[in-house]
């Protein structure tokens, strides 16, 4: 029996980034084709930006785009090198 793509299991992952002075923060990663317009984050009253994603299991590379500047997640020490000579963060999704 083949697994139906609609039946794949996902997990709710919340990303957060502290940037009280930022005007716009987006979550960008391999799960949205590195598109900074795909996942804008919401700012709370304490200046923390958040975004919830439903992700399938595995390692997912990501970064934040803060006011048009690419920034890695200082709260996540799991990183890997990318083709631009900088680092991407890695979210490890386990069901």
PDB file of N, CA and C in Angstrom:
ATOM      1  N   UNK A   1       0.838  -1.181   0.000  1.00  0.00           N
ATOM      2  CA  UNK A   1       0.000   0.000   0.000  1.00  0.00           C
ATOM      3  C   UNK A   1       0.883   1.245   0.000  1.00  0.00           C
ATOM      4  N   UNK A   2       0.585   2.183  -0.892  1.00  0.00           N
ATOM      5  CA  UNK A   2       1.365   3.410  -0.983  1.00  0.00           C
ATOM      6  C   UNK A   2       0.822   4.443  -0.016  1.00  0.00           C
ATOM      7  N   UNK A   3       1.747   5.213   0.554  1.00  0.00           N
ATOM      8  CA  UNK A   3       1.338   6.279   1.460  1.00  0.00           C
ATOM      9  C   UNK A   3       0.798   7.450   0.658  1.00  0.00           C
ATOM     10  N   UNK A   4      -0.359   7.893   0.994  1.00  0.00           N
ATOM     11  CA  UNK A   4      -0.964   9.057   0.352  1.00  0.00           C
ATOM     12  C   UNK A   4      -0.253  10.307   0.863  1.00  0.00           C
ATOM     13  N   UNK A   5       0.114  11.222  -0.037  1.00  0.00           N
ATOM     14  CA  UNK A   5       0.837  12.427   0.368  1.00  0.00           C
ATOM     15  C   UNK A   5       0.025  13.274   1.337  1.00  0.00           C
ATOM     16  N   UNK A   6      -1.300  13.163   1.301  1.00  0.00           N
ATOM     17  CA  UNK A   6      -2.131  13.920   2.238  1.00  0.00           C
ATOM     18  C   UNK A   6      -2.098  13.317   3.639  1.00  0.00           C
ATOM     19  N   UNK A   7      -1.641  12.076   3.735  1.00  0.00           N
ATOM     20  CA  UNK A   7      -1.623  11.400   5.023  1.00  0.00           C
ATOM     21  C   UNK A   7      -0.276  11.519   5.729  1.00  0.00           C
ATOM     22  N   UNK A   8       0.684  12.184   5.110  1.00  0.00           N
ATOM     23  CA  UNK A   8       1.984  12.347   5.741  1.00  0.00           C
ATOM     24  C   UNK A   8       1.839  13.066   7.067  1.00  0.00           C
ATOM     25  N   UNK A   9       2.591  12.658   8.027  1.00  0.00           N
ATOM     26  CA  UNK A   9       2.511  13.272   9.343  1.00  0.00           C
ATOM     27  C   UNK A   9       3.394  14.511   9.396  1.00  0.00           C
ATOM     28  N   UNK A  10       2.885  15.504  10.082  1.00  0.00           N
ATOM     29  CA  UNK A  10       3.631  16.739  10.282  1.00  0.00           C
ATOM     30  C   UNK A  10       3.591  17.095  11.764  1.00  0.00           C
ATOM     31  N   UNK A  11       4.453  18.010  12.130  1.00  0.00           N
ATOM     32  CA  UNK A  11       4.519  18.468  13.515  1.00  0.00           C
ATOM     33  C   UNK A  11       4.487  19.988  13.534  1.00  0.00           C
ATOM     34  N   UNK A  12       3.799  20.535  14.513  1.00  0.00           N
ATOM     35  CA  UNK A  12       3.688  21.970  14.690  1.00  0.00           C
ATOM     36  C   UNK A  12       4.984  22.482  15.324  1.00  0.00           C
ATOM     37  N   UNK A  13       5.674  23.368  14.608  1.00  0.00           N
ATOM     38  CA  UNK A  13       6.929  23.936  15.082  1.00  0.00           C
ATOM     39  C   UNK A  13       6.772  25.452  15.154  1.00  0.00           C
ATOM     40  N   UNK A  14       7.091  26.016  16.313  1.00  0.00           N
ATOM     41  CA  UNK A  14       7.037  27.470  16.450  1.00  0.00           C
ATOM     42  C   UNK A  14       8.446  28.038  16.393  1.00  0.00           C
ATOM     43  N   UNK A  15       8.649  28.979  15.478  1.00  0.00           N
ATOM     44  CA  UNK A  15       9.907  29.697  15.341  1.00  0.00           C
ATOM     45  C   UNK A  15       9.738  31.057  16.004  1.00  0.00           C
ATOM     46  N   UNK A  16      10.778  31.550  16.654  1.00  0.00           N
ATOM     47  CA  UNK A  16      10.699  32.878  17.261  1.00  0.00           C
ATOM     48  C   UNK A  16      12.037  33.589  17.115  1.00  0.00           C
ATOM     49  N   UNK A  17      11.946  34.921  17.082  1.00  0.00           N
ATOM     50  CA  UNK A  17      13.133  35.751  16.921  1.00  0.00           C
ATOM     51  C   UNK A  17      12.898  37.066  17.647  1.00  0.00           C
ATOM     52  N   UNK A  18      13.827  37.454  18.528  1.00  0.00           N
ATOM     53  CA  UNK A  18      13.698  38.702  19.278  1.00  0.00           C
ATOM     54  C   UNK A  18      14.331  39.837  18.486  1.00  0.00           C
ATOM     55  N   UNK A  19      13.507  40.797  18.116  1.00  0.00           N
ATOM     56  CA  UNK A  19      13.983  41.966  17.366  1.00  0.00           C
ATOM     57  C   UNK A  19      12.962  43.089  17.546  1.00  0.00           C
ATOM     58  N   UNK A  20      12.982  43.713  18.724  1.00  0.00           N
ATOM     59  CA  UNK A  20      11.983  44.725  19.067  1.00  0.00           C
ATOM     60  C   UNK A  20      11.965  45.896  18.086  1.00  0.00           C
ATOM     61  N   UNK A  21      13.126  46.271  17.557  1.00  0.00           N
ATOM     62  CA  UNK A  21      13.198  47.417  16.656  1.00  0.00           C
ATOM     63  C   UNK A  21      12.946  47.107  15.190  1.00  0.00           C
ATOM     64  N   UNK A  22      12.756  45.837  14.857  1.00  0.00           N
ATOM     65  CA  UNK A  22      12.565  45.458  13.456  1.00  0.00           C
ATOM     66  C   UNK A  22      11.183  45.864  12.958  1.00  0.00           C
ATOM     67  N   UNK A  23      11.132  46.206  11.675  1.00  0.00           N
ATOM     68  CA  UNK A  23       9.859  46.557  11.043  1.00  0.00           C
ATOM     69  C   UNK A  23       9.203  45.351  10.388  1.00  0.00           C
ATOM     70  N   UNK A  24      10.028  44.386   9.938  1.00  0.00           N
ATOM     71  CA  UNK A  24       9.512  43.203   9.254  1.00  0.00           C
ATOM     72  C   UNK A  24      10.474  42.042   9.477  1.00  0.00           C
ATOM     73  N   UNK A  25       9.920  40.897   9.841  1.00  0.00           N
ATOM     74  CA  UNK A  25      10.719  39.679   9.996  1.00  0.00           C
ATOM     75  C   UNK A  25       9.980  38.553   9.288  1.00  0.00           C
ATOM     76  N   UNK A  26      10.714  37.769   8.509  1.00  0.00           N
ATOM     77  CA  UNK A  26      10.149  36.628   7.798  1.00  0.00           C
ATOM     78  C   UNK A  26      10.959  35.378   8.109  1.00  0.00           C
ATOM     79  N   UNK A  27      10.273  34.263   8.144  1.00  0.00           N
ATOM     80  CA  UNK A  27      10.910  32.956   8.269  1.00  0.00           C
ATOM     81  C   UNK A  27      11.161  32.447   6.858  1.00  0.00           C
ATOM     82  N   UNK A  28      12.413  32.126   6.559  1.00  0.00           N
ATOM     83  CA  UNK A  28      12.754  31.624   5.229  1.00  0.00           C
ATOM     84  C   UNK A  28      13.524  30.320   5.373  1.00  0.00           C
ATOM     85  N   UNK A  29      13.228  29.380   4.474  1.00  0.00           N
ATOM     86  CA  UNK A  29      13.913  28.105   4.568  1.00  0.00           C
ATOM     87  C   UNK A  29      13.581  27.217   3.403  1.00  0.00           C
ATOM     88  N   UNK A  30      14.138  26.014   3.460  1.00  0.00           N
ATOM     89  CA  UNK A  30      13.912  25.077   2.369  1.00  0.00           C
ATOM     90  C   UNK A  30      12.446  24.672   2.280  1.00  0.00           C
ATOM     91  N   UNK A  31      11.690  24.794   3.368  1.00  0.00           N
ATOM     92  CA  UNK A  31      10.271  24.430   3.384  1.00  0.00           C
ATOM     93  C   UNK A  31       9.395  25.440   2.651  1.00  0.00           C
ATOM     94  N   UNK A  32       9.923  26.630   2.326  1.00  0.00           N
ATOM     95  CA  UNK A  32       9.157  27.605   1.535  1.00  0.00           C
ATOM     96  C   UNK A  32       9.979  28.139   0.361  1.00  0.00           C
ATOM     97  N   UNK A  33      10.925  27.315  -0.103  1.00  0.00           N
ATOM     98  CA  UNK A  33      11.792  27.657  -1.241  1.00  0.00           C
ATOM     99  C   UNK A  33      12.559  28.952  -1.026  1.00  0.00           C
ATOM    100  N   UNK A  34      12.907  29.244   0.227  1.00  0.00           N
ATOM    101  CA  UNK A  34      13.695  30.423   0.594  1.00  0.00           C
ATOM    102  C   UNK A  34      13.022  31.723   0.143  1.00  0.00           C
ATOM    103  N   UNK A  35      11.705  31.717   0.153  1.00  0.00           N
ATOM    104  CA  UNK A  35      10.924  32.877  -0.277  1.00  0.00           C
ATOM    105  C   UNK A  35      10.602  33.759   0.933  1.00  0.00           C
ATOM    106  N   UNK A  36      11.168  34.954   1.021  1.00  0.00           N
ATOM    107  CA  UNK A  36      10.936  35.816   2.185  1.00  0.00           C
ATOM    108  C   UNK A  36       9.511  36.353   2.282  1.00  0.00           C
ATOM    109  N   UNK A  37       8.728  36.218   1.224  1.00  0.00           N
ATOM    110  CA  UNK A  37       7.340  36.675   1.269  1.00  0.00           C
ATOM    111  C   UNK A  37       6.373  35.576   1.705  1.00  0.00           C
ATOM    112  N   UNK A  38       6.850  34.334   1.775  1.00  0.00           N
ATOM    113  CA  UNK A  38       5.955  33.198   2.044  1.00  0.00           C
ATOM    114  C   UNK A  38       5.510  33.099   3.500  1.00  0.00           C
ATOM    115  N   UNK A  39       6.376  33.446   4.440  1.00  0.00           N
ATOM    116  CA  UNK A  39       6.062  33.250   5.855  1.00  0.00           C
ATOM    117  C   UNK A  39       6.432  34.464   6.706  1.00  0.00           C
ATOM    118  N   UNK A  40       5.659  35.550   6.570  1.00  0.00           N
ATOM    119  CA  UNK A  40       5.912  36.703   7.444  1.00  0.00           C
ATOM    120  C   UNK A  40       5.611  36.327   8.891  1.00  0.00           C
ATOM    121  N   UNK A  41       6.383  36.885   9.809  1.00  0.00           N
ATOM    122  CA  UNK A  41       6.203  36.578  11.223  1.00  0.00           C
ATOM    123  C   UNK A  41       5.406  37.702  11.891  1.00  0.00           C
ATOM    124  N   UNK A  42       4.790  37.373  13.022  1.00  0.00           N
ATOM    125  CA  UNK A  42       3.984  38.336  13.770  1.00  0.00           C
ATOM    126  C   UNK A  42       4.742  38.777  15.020  1.00  0.00           C
ATOM    127  N   UNK A  43       4.701  40.077  15.297  1.00  0.00           N
ATOM    128  CA  UNK A  43       5.404  40.648  16.448  1.00  0.00           C
ATOM    129  C   UNK A  43       4.448  40.764  17.641  1.00  0.00           C
ATOM    130  N   UNK A  44       4.927  40.349  18.827  1.00  0.00           N
ATOM    131  CA  UNK A  44       4.116  40.506  20.033  1.00  0.00           C
ATOM    132  C   UNK A  44       4.515  41.777  20.778  1.00  0.00           C
ATOM    133  N   UNK A  45       3.877  42.037  21.897  1.00  0.00           N
ATOM    134  CA  UNK A  45       4.111  43.271  22.649  1.00  0.00           C
ATOM    135  C   UNK A  45       5.506  43.356  23.264  1.00  0.00           C
ATOM    136  N   UNK A  46       6.214  42.228  23.337  1.00  0.00           N
ATOM    137  CA  UNK A  46       7.570  42.207  23.898  1.00  0.00           C
ATOM    138  C   UNK A  46       8.655  42.301  22.830  1.00  0.00           C
ATOM    139  N   UNK A  47       8.264  42.437  21.564  1.00  0.00           N
ATOM    140  CA  UNK A  47       9.240  42.542  20.487  1.00  0.00           C
ATOM    141  C   UNK A  47       9.733  41.207  19.964  1.00  0.00           C
ATOM    142  N   UNK A  48       9.024  40.128  20.288  1.00  0.00           N
ATOM    143  CA  UNK A  48       9.387  38.810  19.777  1.00  0.00           C
ATOM    144  C   UNK A  48       8.481  38.477  18.600  1.00  0.00           C
ATOM    145  N   UNK A  49       9.108  38.076  17.514  1.00  0.00           N
ATOM    146  CA  UNK A  49       8.398  37.710  16.286  1.00  0.00           C
ATOM    147  C   UNK A  49       8.233  36.198  16.278  1.00  0.00           C
ATOM    148  N   UNK A  50       7.046  35.712  15.894  1.00  0.00           N
ATOM    149  CA  UNK A  50       6.804  34.276  15.874  1.00  0.00           C
ATOM    150  C   UNK A  50       6.086  33.842  14.596  1.00  0.00           C
ATOM    151  N   UNK A  51       6.291  32.582  14.267  1.00  0.00           N
ATOM    152  CA  UNK A  51       5.614  31.952  13.136  1.00  0.00           C
ATOM    153  C   UNK A  51       5.518  30.459  13.436  1.00  0.00           C
ATOM    154  N   UNK A  52       4.332  29.903  13.237  1.00  0.00           N
ATOM    155  CA  UNK A  52       4.123  28.467  13.416  1.00  0.00           C
ATOM    156  C   UNK A  52       4.053  27.822  12.040  1.00  0.00           C
ATOM    157  N   UNK A  53       4.778  26.716  11.881  1.00  0.00           N
ATOM    158  CA  UNK A  53       4.769  25.943  10.635  1.00  0.00           C
ATOM    159  C   UNK A  53       4.470  24.492  10.967  1.00  0.00           C
ATOM    160  N   UNK A  54       3.754  23.829  10.064  1.00  0.00           N
ATOM    161  CA  UNK A  54       3.553  22.389  10.151  1.00  0.00           C
ATOM    162  C   UNK A  54       4.599  21.762   9.233  1.00  0.00           C
ATOM    163  N   UNK A  55       5.534  21.027   9.815  1.00  0.00           N
ATOM    164  CA  UNK A  55       6.656  20.483   9.047  1.00  0.00           C
ATOM    165  C   UNK A  55       6.715  18.970   9.145  1.00  0.00           C
ATOM    166  N   UNK A  56       7.120  18.353   8.059  1.00  0.00           N
ATOM    167  CA  UNK A  56       7.324  16.913   8.034  1.00  0.00           C
ATOM    168  C   UNK A  56       8.642  16.585   8.737  1.00  0.00           C
ATOM    169  N   UNK A  57       8.822  15.324   9.139  1.00  0.00           N
ATOM    170  CA  UNK A  57      10.038  14.944   9.857  1.00  0.00           C
ATOM    171  C   UNK A  57      11.302  15.141   9.019  1.00  0.00           C
ATOM    172  N   UNK A  58      12.384  15.412   9.718  1.00  0.00           N
ATOM    173  CA  UNK A  58      13.684  15.570   9.080  1.00  0.00           C
ATOM    174  C   UNK A  58      14.345  16.865   9.490  1.00  0.00           C
ATOM    175  N   UNK A  59      15.520  17.098   8.941  1.00  0.00           N
ATOM    176  CA  UNK A  59      16.252  18.332   9.195  1.00  0.00           C
ATOM    177  C   UNK A  59      15.838  19.384   8.183  1.00  0.00           C
ATOM    178  N   UNK A  60      15.467  20.556   8.665  1.00  0.00           N
ATOM    179  CA  UNK A  60      14.997  21.655   7.813  1.00  0.00           C
ATOM    180  C   UNK A  60      15.903  22.864   8.007  1.00  0.00           C
ATOM    181  N   UNK A  61      16.562  23.295   6.933  1.00  0.00           N
ATOM    182  CA  UNK A  61      17.419  24.478   7.003  1.00  0.00           C
ATOM    183  C   UNK A  61      16.565  25.738   6.911  1.00  0.00           C
ATOM    184  N   UNK A  62      16.958  26.752   7.691  1.00  0.00           N
ATOM    185  CA  UNK A  62      16.208  28.007   7.693  1.00  0.00           C
ATOM    186  C   UNK A  62      17.074  29.169   8.167  1.00  0.00           C
ATOM    187  N   UNK A  63      16.576  30.365   7.950  1.00  0.00           N
ATOM    188  CA  UNK A  63      17.135  31.608   8.476  1.00  0.00           C
ATOM    189  C   UNK A  63      15.964  32.570   8.678  1.00  0.00           C
ATOM    190  N   UNK A  64      16.265  33.745   9.181  1.00  0.00           N
ATOM    191  CA  UNK A  64      15.285  34.811   9.265  1.00  0.00           C
ATOM    192  C   UNK A  64      15.716  35.932   8.343  1.00  0.00           C
ATOM    193  N   UNK A  65      14.746  36.638   7.788  1.00  0.00           N
ATOM    194  CA  UNK A  65      15.053  37.857   7.062  1.00  0.00           C
ATOM    195  C   UNK A  65      14.484  39.002   7.901  1.00  0.00           C
ATOM    196  N   UNK A  66      15.390  39.833   8.405  1.00  0.00           N
ATOM    197  CA  UNK A  66      15.028  40.930   9.296  1.00  0.00           C
ATOM    198  C   UNK A  66      15.286  42.235   8.556  1.00  0.00           C
ATOM    199  N   UNK A  67      14.212  42.953   8.242  1.00  0.00           N
ATOM    200  CA  UNK A  67      14.329  44.209   7.491  1.00  0.00           C
ATOM    201  C   UNK A  67      15.270  44.051   6.298  1.00  0.00           C
ATOM    202  N   UNK A  68      15.036  43.024   5.493  1.00  0.00           N
ATOM    203  CA  UNK A  68      15.772  42.722   4.259  1.00  0.00           C
ATOM    204  C   UNK A  68      17.204  42.234   4.470  1.00  0.00           C
ATOM    205  N   UNK A  69      17.568  41.869   5.696  1.00  0.00           N
ATOM    206  CA  UNK A  69      18.900  41.311   5.963  1.00  0.00           C
ATOM    207  C   UNK A  69      18.748  39.872   6.444  1.00  0.00           C
ATOM    208  N   UNK A  70      19.538  38.955   5.859  1.00  0.00           N
ATOM    209  CA  UNK A  70      19.489  37.542   6.243  1.00  0.00           C
ATOM    210  C   UNK A  70      20.236  37.354   7.557  1.00  0.00           C
ATOM    211  N   UNK A  71      19.574  36.721   8.527  1.00  0.00           N
ATOM    212  CA  UNK A  71      20.129  36.566   9.873  1.00  0.00           C
ATOM    213  C   UNK A  71      19.900  35.127  10.337  1.00  0.00           C
ATOM    214  N   UNK A  72      20.910  34.542  10.992  1.00  0.00           N
ATOM    215  CA  UNK A  72      20.681  33.202  11.535  1.00  0.00           C
ATOM    216  C   UNK A  72      20.034  33.313  12.913  1.00  0.00           C
ATOM    217  N   UNK A  73      19.505  32.219  13.394  1.00  0.00           N
ATOM    218  CA  UNK A  73      18.789  32.148  14.664  1.00  0.00           C
ATOM    219  C   UNK A  73      19.800  31.986  15.805  1.00  0.00           C
ATOM    220  N   UNK A  74      19.987  33.034  16.635  1.00  0.00           N
ATOM    221  CA  UNK A  74      20.972  32.924  17.717  1.00  0.00           C
ATOM    222  C   UNK A  74      20.550  31.967  18.828  1.00  0.00           C
ATOM    223  N   UNK A  75      19.290  31.572  18.855  1.00  0.00           N
ATOM    224  CA  UNK A  75      18.781  30.660  19.885  1.00  0.00           C
ATOM    225  C   UNK A  75      18.952  29.188  19.501  1.00  0.00           C
ATOM    226  N   UNK A  76      19.342  28.924  18.251  1.00  0.00           N
ATOM    227  CA  UNK A  76      19.503  27.544  17.781  1.00  0.00           C
ATOM    228  C   UNK A  76      20.956  27.330  17.384  1.00  0.00           C
ATOM    229  N   UNK A  77      21.658  26.518  18.136  1.00  0.00           N
ATOM    230  CA  UNK A  77      23.075  26.265  17.873  1.00  0.00           C
ATOM    231  C   UNK A  77      23.308  25.221  16.789  1.00  0.00           C
ATOM    232  N   UNK A  78      22.256  24.583  16.317  1.00  0.00           N
ATOM    233  CA  UNK A  78      22.378  23.577  15.253  1.00  0.00           C
ATOM    234  C   UNK A  78      22.457  24.317  13.924  1.00  0.00           C
ATOM    235  N   UNK A  79      23.631  24.280  13.281  1.00  0.00           N
ATOM    236  CA  UNK A  79      23.854  25.023  12.039  1.00  0.00           C
ATOM    237  C   UNK A  79      24.556  24.145  11.008  1.00  0.00           C
ATOM    238  N   UNK A  80      24.515  24.618   9.766  1.00  0.00           N
ATOM    239  CA  UNK A  80      25.273  23.987   8.684  1.00  0.00           C
ATOM    240  C   UNK A  80      25.712  25.090   7.723  1.00  0.00           C
ATOM    241  N   UNK A  81      26.752  24.828   6.979  1.00  0.00           N
ATOM    242  CA  UNK A  81      27.248  25.789   5.993  1.00  0.00           C
ATOM    243  C   UNK A  81      26.334  25.796   4.787  1.00  0.00           C
ATOM    244  N   UNK A  82      26.251  26.961   4.133  1.00  0.00           N
ATOM    245  CA  UNK A  82      25.482  27.036   2.892  1.00  0.00           C
ATOM    246  C   UNK A  82      26.402  27.443   1.745  1.00  0.00           C
ATOM    247  N   UNK A  83      25.880  27.502   0.546  1.00  0.00           N
ATOM    248  CA  UNK A  83      26.683  27.776  -0.645  1.00  0.00           C
ATOM    249  C   UNK A  83      27.154  29.231  -0.729  1.00  0.00           C
ATOM    250  N   UNK A  84      26.685  30.093   0.169  1.00  0.00           N
ATOM    251  CA  UNK A  84      27.089  31.502   0.167  1.00  0.00           C
ATOM    252  C   UNK A  84      28.216  31.774   1.153  1.00  0.00           C
ATOM    253  N   UNK A  85      28.697  30.730   1.820  1.00  0.00           N
ATOM    254  CA  UNK A  85      29.780  30.889   2.781  1.00  0.00           C
ATOM    255  C   UNK A  85      29.309  31.371   4.142  1.00  0.00           C
ATOM    256  N   UNK A  86      28.018  31.311   4.384  1.00  0.00           N
ATOM    257  CA  UNK A  86      27.470  31.672   5.691  1.00  0.00           C
ATOM    258  C   UNK A  86      26.803  30.431   6.285  1.00  0.00           C
ATOM    259  N   UNK A  87      26.111  30.625   7.374  1.00  0.00           N
ATOM    260  CA  UNK A  87      25.481  29.497   8.051  1.00  0.00           C
ATOM    261  C   UNK A  87      23.964  29.557   7.941  1.00  0.00           C
ATOM    262  N   UNK A  88      23.365  28.394   7.854  1.00  0.00           N
ATOM    263  CA  UNK A  88      21.923  28.231   7.997  1.00  0.00           C
ATOM    264  C   UNK A  88      21.686  27.507   9.320  1.00  0.00           C
ATOM    265  N   UNK A  89      20.570  27.789   9.938  1.00  0.00           N
ATOM    266  CA  UNK A  89      20.162  27.014  11.103  1.00  0.00           C
ATOM    267  C   UNK A  89      19.473  25.751  10.628  1.00  0.00           C
ATOM    268  N   UNK A  90      19.428  24.756  11.494  1.00  0.00           N
ATOM    269  CA  UNK A  90      18.771  23.501  11.173  1.00  0.00           C
ATOM    270  C   UNK A  90      17.743  23.207  12.253  1.00  0.00           C
ATOM    271  N   UNK A  91      16.490  23.096  11.846  1.00  0.00           N
ATOM    272  CA  UNK A  91      15.425  22.652  12.747  1.00  0.00           C
ATOM    273  C   UNK A  91      15.290  21.146  12.573  1.00  0.00           C
ATOM    274  N   UNK A  92      15.408  20.420  13.643  1.00  0.00           N
ATOM    275  CA  UNK A  92      15.271  18.973  13.583  1.00  0.00           C
ATOM    276  C   UNK A  92      13.844  18.607  13.988  1.00  0.00           C
ATOM    277  N   UNK A  93      13.089  18.115  13.036  1.00  0.00           N
ATOM    278  CA  UNK A  93      11.674  17.795  13.270  1.00  0.00           C
ATOM    279  C   UNK A  93      11.549  16.293  13.498  1.00  0.00           C
ATOM    280  N   UNK A  94      11.088  15.929  14.692  1.00  0.00           N
ATOM    281  CA  UNK A  94      10.903  14.529  15.061  1.00  0.00           C
ATOM    282  C   UNK A  94       9.463  14.370  15.513  1.00  0.00           C
ATOM    283  N   UNK A  95       8.776  13.375  14.958  1.00  0.00           N
ATOM    284  CA  UNK A  95       7.383  13.131  15.370  1.00  0.00           C
ATOM    285  C   UNK A  95       7.325  12.370  16.663  1.00  0.00           C
TER     286      UNK A  95
END
